[in-house]
Amino acid sequence: MRIQSLTKFLLAPKWQLETPRALKEPLFLWLTAGQGRLTIASMTRGVQPHNAIYIPAGTLHSFHNMTRVQGTAIYLDQDHSRLDLPQAPVHLRLLDVNSQFEVTTLIDSMRRELDGDRPKALEAARLQLGLLSIWLHRRSLDNRDGAHTPPDLKANDRLTARFTSLLESNFGLAWNVSDYAATLGVTPTHLTRACRASCGRTALELIQRRRLYEACNLLLETKIPVQDISYRLGFSTPGYFSRSFLQTLGAPPSTFRKNRGRVTTY
């Protein structure tokens, strides 16, 4: 469990924020200022002050046009089986001052425990996290202050969500759109149309961006040769990998690694 300011959270490179990815642990976001757009499981929505957002582990999400955002990001423990957490994403727009005060107080209490040096601080913070999970459950069931939970997904959204979940598990394979479509029991054309309707990107674009996101991580965090990364992520040749990387990131893989991920275009 760790707490981070949203200002620092969103200092990540643009390629990292805008590429859909899934975390191993659940993520809770509390916005107190700023605005932007957030895509969760193929659904894009606006975010603004006094929004509380819960993203379950393994759920693809990305951030877009986040400006002057302030608030808190809480990474929950990977082992969160003791918490009664929602199975689906939750987006709460809190209009009631009391609701805003409640979540702020819980977060501040957790932060004080983790930042202090008192005995059993982590245990105390986890107890506060348990209270936050109860608060989240209650608020997701109560719409009196304008709280909002995502509606049921439409057919295109459901298919795109299934596709992105499958992609997260298999992006390192040399699968093309036809392979994913066959596994999902639809035609490549149907899958491409569904993805475009749900998130504005084709299935091929989602595959490429997920692979390139992983390539960026490997280039920055390991010393694996570029050609080995290309084969590891399912690209047909190192040359094709380098061209795709340059076209999307604005720099070849070797330059990206040398500059520690600083790129001018994305």
Protein backbone atom coordinates (compact mmCIF):
# COMPACT_ATOMS: atom_id res chain seq x y z
CA MET A 1 0.00 0.00 0.00
CA ARG A 2 1.30 3.43 -0.92
CA ILE A 3 -0.04 6.94 -1.31
CA GLN A 4 1.11 9.43 -3.93
CA SER A 5 0.02 12.93 -4.89
CA LEU A 6 -1.81 13.07 -8.22
CA THR A 7 0.50 15.88 -9.31
CA LYS A 8 3.47 13.51 -9.04
CA PHE A 9 1.43 10.58 -10.39
CA LEU A 10 0.67 12.52 -13.59
CA LEU A 11 4.27 13.64 -14.14
CA ALA A 12 4.82 10.36 -15.96
CA PRO A 13 5.65 10.68 -19.67
CA LYS A 14 2.74 11.16 -22.05
CA TRP A 15 3.35 7.74 -23.65
CA GLN A 16 2.97 6.16 -20.24
CA LEU A 17 -0.23 7.99 -19.32
CA GLU A 18 -2.05 7.60 -22.64
CA THR A 19 -1.27 3.94 -23.31
CA PRO A 20 -3.94 1.62 -21.83
CA ARG A 21 -2.43 -0.57 -19.15
CA ALA A 22 -3.53 -2.64 -16.17
CA LEU A 23 -2.04 -2.68 -12.67
CA LYS A 24 -1.59 -5.69 -10.44
CA GLU A 25 -3.12 -3.82 -7.51
CA PRO A 26 -6.37 -1.81 -7.27
CA LEU A 27 -6.08 1.97 -7.63
CA PHE A 28 -8.13 4.66 -5.90
CA LEU A 29 -8.03 8.26 -7.15
CA TRP A 30 -9.36 11.36 -5.39
CA LEU A 31 -9.34 14.59 -7.41
CA THR A 32 -9.48 17.95 -5.65
CA ALA A 33 -8.59 20.20 -8.60
CA GLY A 34 -8.08 20.14 -12.37
CA GLN A 35 -9.76 18.18 -15.12
CA GLY A 36 -9.15 15.71 -17.91
CA ARG A 37 -10.38 12.47 -19.40
CA LEU A 38 -9.99 8.94 -18.12
CA THR A 39 -10.58 5.75 -20.09
CA ILE A 40 -11.44 2.65 -18.04
CA ALA A 41 -12.16 -0.69 -19.71
CA SER A 42 -12.82 1.03 -23.06
CA MET A 43 -15.17 3.69 -21.63
CA THR A 44 -13.98 7.33 -21.65
CA ARG A 45 -15.37 9.87 -19.24
CA GLY A 46 -14.50 13.34 -18.00
CA VAL A 47 -12.99 13.85 -14.54
CA GLN A 48 -13.09 16.98 -12.43
CA PRO A 49 -12.77 18.16 -8.81
CA HIS A 50 -14.46 16.05 -6.14
CA ASN A 51 -14.38 12.90 -8.25
CA ALA A 52 -13.49 9.61 -6.57
CA ILE A 53 -12.50 6.80 -8.91
CA TYR A 54 -11.85 3.15 -8.14
CA ILE A 55 -10.07 0.96 -10.71
CA PRO A 56 -9.92 -2.78 -9.90
CA ALA A 57 -6.71 -4.73 -10.41
CA GLY A 58 -6.25 -5.96 -13.96
CA THR A 59 -8.47 -3.26 -15.48
CA LEU A 60 -7.08 -1.41 -18.50
CA HIS A 61 -7.08 2.36 -18.09
CA SER A 62 -5.40 5.47 -19.49
CA PHE A 63 -5.31 9.22 -18.88
CA HIS A 64 -5.76 12.02 -21.42
CA ASN A 65 -5.47 15.82 -21.35
CA MET A 66 -5.03 15.98 -17.59
CA THR A 67 -4.50 19.65 -16.71
CA ARG A 68 -3.72 21.22 -13.32
CA VAL A 69 -4.84 18.08 -11.54
CA GLN A 70 -4.38 17.81 -7.79
CA GLY A 71 -5.41 15.11 -5.39
CA THR A 72 -4.33 11.68 -4.21
CA ALA A 73 -3.61 8.27 -5.73
CA ILE A 74 -3.73 5.22 -3.45
CA TYR A 75 -2.23 1.93 -4.60
CA LEU A 76 -3.90 -0.81 -2.59
CA ASP A 77 -2.13 -4.02 -1.62
CA GLN A 78 -2.04 -6.78 -4.21
CA ASP A 79 -3.31 -9.05 -1.44
CA HIS A 80 -6.58 -7.23 -0.78
CA SER A 81 -8.77 -10.29 -0.23
CA ARG A 82 -9.83 -9.06 3.22
CA LEU A 83 -11.34 -5.89 1.78
CA ASP A 84 -14.87 -5.78 0.40
CA LEU A 85 -13.96 -3.99 -2.81
CA PRO A 86 -16.15 -3.55 -5.91
CA GLN A 87 -15.55 -5.97 -8.77
CA ALA A 88 -16.18 -3.29 -11.41
CA PRO A 89 -14.82 0.26 -11.79
CA VAL A 90 -16.59 2.99 -9.84
CA HIS A 91 -16.72 6.70 -10.66
CA LEU A 92 -18.26 8.92 -7.98
CA ARG A 93 -19.01 12.60 -8.53
CA LEU A 94 -19.39 13.91 -5.00
CA LEU A 95 -21.46 17.07 -4.78
CA ASP A 96 -22.23 16.87 -1.08
CA VAL A 97 -19.70 18.61 1.22
CA ASN A 98 -20.08 15.91 3.90
CA SER A 99 -19.13 13.19 1.41
CA GLN A 100 -16.08 15.17 0.33
CA PHE A 101 -15.07 15.65 3.97
CA GLU A 102 -15.43 11.94 4.72
CA VAL A 103 -13.09 10.77 1.97
CA THR A 104 -10.57 13.55 2.66
CA THR A 105 -10.46 12.64 6.36
CA LEU A 106 -9.88 8.95 5.62
CA ILE A 107 -7.05 9.70 3.18
CA ASP A 108 -5.41 12.17 5.58
CA SER A 109 -5.54 9.58 8.36
CA MET A 110 -3.85 6.97 6.16
CA ARG A 111 -1.19 9.45 5.08
CA ARG A 112 -0.38 10.45 8.68
CA GLU A 113 0.10 6.81 9.65
CA LEU A 114 2.34 6.00 6.69
CA ASP A 115 4.39 9.18 7.04
CA GLY A 116 4.84 8.80 10.80
CA ASP A 117 7.01 6.45 12.81
CA ARG A 118 4.52 5.25 15.39
CA PRO A 119 4.29 1.54 16.25
CA LYS A 120 2.02 -0.52 13.97
CA ALA A 121 1.60 2.41 11.58
CA LEU A 122 1.10 0.16 8.55
CA GLU A 123 -1.49 -1.92 10.40
CA ALA A 124 -3.34 1.27 11.35
CA ALA A 125 -3.20 2.53 7.76
CA ARG A 126 -4.67 -0.74 6.51
CA LEU A 127 -7.52 -0.41 9.00
CA GLN A 128 -8.20 3.05 7.60
CA LEU A 129 -8.11 1.50 4.14
CA GLY A 130 -10.80 -0.92 5.29
CA LEU A 131 -12.95 2.04 6.28
CA LEU A 132 -12.32 3.58 2.86
CA SER A 133 -13.52 0.37 1.17
CA ILE A 134 -16.73 0.52 3.24
CA TRP A 135 -17.16 4.19 2.33
CA LEU A 136 -16.66 3.33 -1.34
CA HIS A 137 -19.23 0.56 -1.18
CA ARG A 138 -21.79 2.81 0.51
CA ARG A 139 -21.27 5.72 -1.85
CA SER A 140 -21.54 3.51 -4.94
CA LEU A 141 -25.02 2.52 -3.75
CA ASP A 142 -26.12 6.03 -2.81
CA ASN A 143 -26.85 8.60 -5.54
CA ARG A 144 -28.29 11.39 -3.40
CA ASP A 145 -25.24 13.64 -3.84
CA GLY A 146 -24.77 13.02 -7.55
CA ALA A 147 -22.57 9.94 -7.19
CA HIS A 148 -22.30 8.09 -10.47
CA THR A 149 -21.42 4.52 -11.29
CA PRO A 150 -20.74 3.39 -14.85
CA PRO A 151 -23.80 2.11 -16.74
CA ASP A 152 -23.95 -1.37 -18.16
CA LEU A 153 -21.63 -1.73 -21.12
CA LYS A 154 -23.10 -1.79 -24.60
CA ALA A 155 -22.28 -4.64 -27.00
CA ASN A 156 -19.29 -2.82 -28.55
CA ASP A 157 -17.97 -1.89 -25.12
CA ARG A 158 -18.34 -5.44 -23.82
CA LEU A 159 -16.45 -6.86 -26.78
CA THR A 160 -13.71 -4.24 -26.48
CA ALA A 161 -13.38 -4.95 -22.76
CA ARG A 162 -13.03 -8.68 -23.48
CA PHE A 163 -10.46 -7.90 -26.15
CA THR A 164 -8.36 -5.60 -23.97
CA SER A 165 -8.41 -8.15 -21.15
CA LEU A 166 -7.20 -10.83 -23.58
CA LEU A 167 -4.61 -8.42 -24.95
CA GLU A 168 -3.22 -7.77 -21.48
CA SER A 169 -2.50 -11.48 -21.09
CA ASN A 170 -1.16 -12.11 -24.60
CA PHE A 171 0.46 -8.92 -25.92
CA GLY A 172 3.85 -10.62 -26.00
CA LEU A 173 2.66 -13.21 -28.49
CA ALA A 174 2.88 -12.71 -32.23
CA TRP A 175 -0.90 -12.53 -32.47
CA ASN A 176 -2.56 -10.31 -35.05
CA VAL A 177 -6.13 -8.97 -35.10
CA SER A 178 -7.39 -12.18 -36.73
CA ASP A 179 -5.95 -14.30 -33.91
CA TYR A 180 -7.64 -12.20 -31.23
CA ALA A 181 -10.91 -12.11 -33.19
CA ALA A 182 -10.92 -15.89 -33.60
CA THR A 183 -10.35 -16.39 -29.88
CA LEU A 184 -13.23 -14.03 -29.12
CA GLY A 185 -15.50 -15.71 -31.68
CA VAL A 186 -15.97 -12.69 -33.97
CA THR A 187 -14.60 -11.52 -37.31
CA PRO A 188 -11.60 -9.16 -37.49
CA THR A 189 -13.83 -6.51 -39.07
CA HIS A 190 -16.35 -6.78 -36.24
CA LEU A 191 -13.62 -6.48 -33.61
CA THR A 192 -12.05 -3.48 -35.31
CA ARG A 193 -15.38 -1.68 -35.60
CA ALA A 194 -16.22 -2.38 -31.95
CA CYS A 195 -12.89 -1.01 -30.74
CA ARG A 196 -13.19 2.11 -32.87
CA ALA A 197 -16.73 2.74 -31.61
CA SER A 198 -15.75 2.23 -27.96
CA CYS A 199 -12.45 4.05 -27.66
CA GLY A 200 -11.66 5.67 -31.00
CA ARG A 201 -8.81 3.29 -31.83
CA THR A 202 -8.70 0.18 -33.99
CA ALA A 203 -7.84 -3.22 -32.58
CA LEU A 204 -4.48 -3.08 -34.38
CA GLU A 205 -3.68 0.30 -32.81
CA LEU A 206 -4.46 -1.07 -29.34
CA ILE A 207 -2.22 -4.08 -29.94
CA GLN A 208 0.65 -1.92 -31.18
CA ARG A 209 0.37 0.61 -28.35
CA ARG A 210 0.31 -2.11 -25.68
CA ARG A 211 3.40 -3.74 -27.15
CA LEU A 212 5.21 -0.41 -27.46
CA TYR A 213 4.29 0.49 -23.88
CA GLU A 214 5.95 -2.71 -22.70
CA ALA A 215 8.89 -2.01 -25.00
CA CYS A 216 9.36 1.39 -23.33
CA ASN A 217 9.41 -0.24 -19.91
CA LEU A 218 11.95 -2.85 -21.02
CA LEU A 219 14.17 -0.23 -22.64
CA LEU A 220 14.21 1.86 -19.46
CA GLU A 221 14.30 -0.86 -16.82
CA THR A 222 16.50 -3.54 -18.39
CA LYS A 223 19.59 -3.93 -20.56
CA ILE A 224 17.94 -6.37 -22.95
CA PRO A 225 19.16 -5.68 -26.52
CA VAL A 226 16.70 -3.91 -28.79
CA GLN A 227 16.44 -6.83 -31.22
CA ASP A 228 15.66 -9.23 -28.37
CA ILE A 229 12.90 -6.90 -27.12
CA SER A 230 11.38 -6.83 -30.60
CA TYR A 231 11.15 -10.64 -30.78
CA ARG A 232 10.02 -10.91 -27.16
CA LEU A 233 7.03 -8.66 -27.89
CA GLY A 234 5.95 -10.43 -31.06
CA PHE A 235 7.29 -8.07 -33.73
CA SER A 236 8.20 -9.87 -36.95
CA THR A 237 11.61 -8.19 -37.32
CA PRO A 238 13.75 -5.72 -35.34
CA GLY A 239 13.47 -3.33 -38.29
CA TYR A 240 9.67 -3.33 -38.16
CA PHE A 241 9.83 -2.80 -34.40
CA SER A 242 12.18 0.17 -34.76
CA ARG A 243 10.03 1.77 -37.47
CA SER A 244 6.87 1.36 -35.40
CA PHE A 245 8.61 2.73 -32.33
CA LEU A 246 9.95 5.76 -34.21
CA GLN A 247 6.58 6.49 -35.81
CA THR A 248 4.74 6.38 -32.48
CA LEU A 249 7.28 7.72 -29.98
CA GLY A 250 9.21 10.12 -32.21
CA ALA A 251 12.60 8.48 -31.56
CA PRO A 252 14.20 5.11 -32.33
CA PRO A 253 14.46 2.60 -29.46
CA SER A 254 18.19 3.16 -28.93
CA THR A 255 17.74 6.92 -28.62
CA PHE A 256 14.75 6.49 -26.31
CA ARG A 257 16.88 4.31 -24.01
CA LYS A 258 19.84 6.72 -24.14
CA ASN A 259 17.63 9.71 -23.27
CA ARG A 260 15.88 7.81 -20.46
CA GLY A 261 12.47 8.02 -22.07
CA ARG A 262 12.43 11.71 -22.88
CA VAL A 263 10.68 12.15 -26.23
CA THR A 264 9.27 15.19 -27.98
CA THR A 265 6.30 13.60 -29.74
CA TYR A 266 3.76 10.89 -29.04
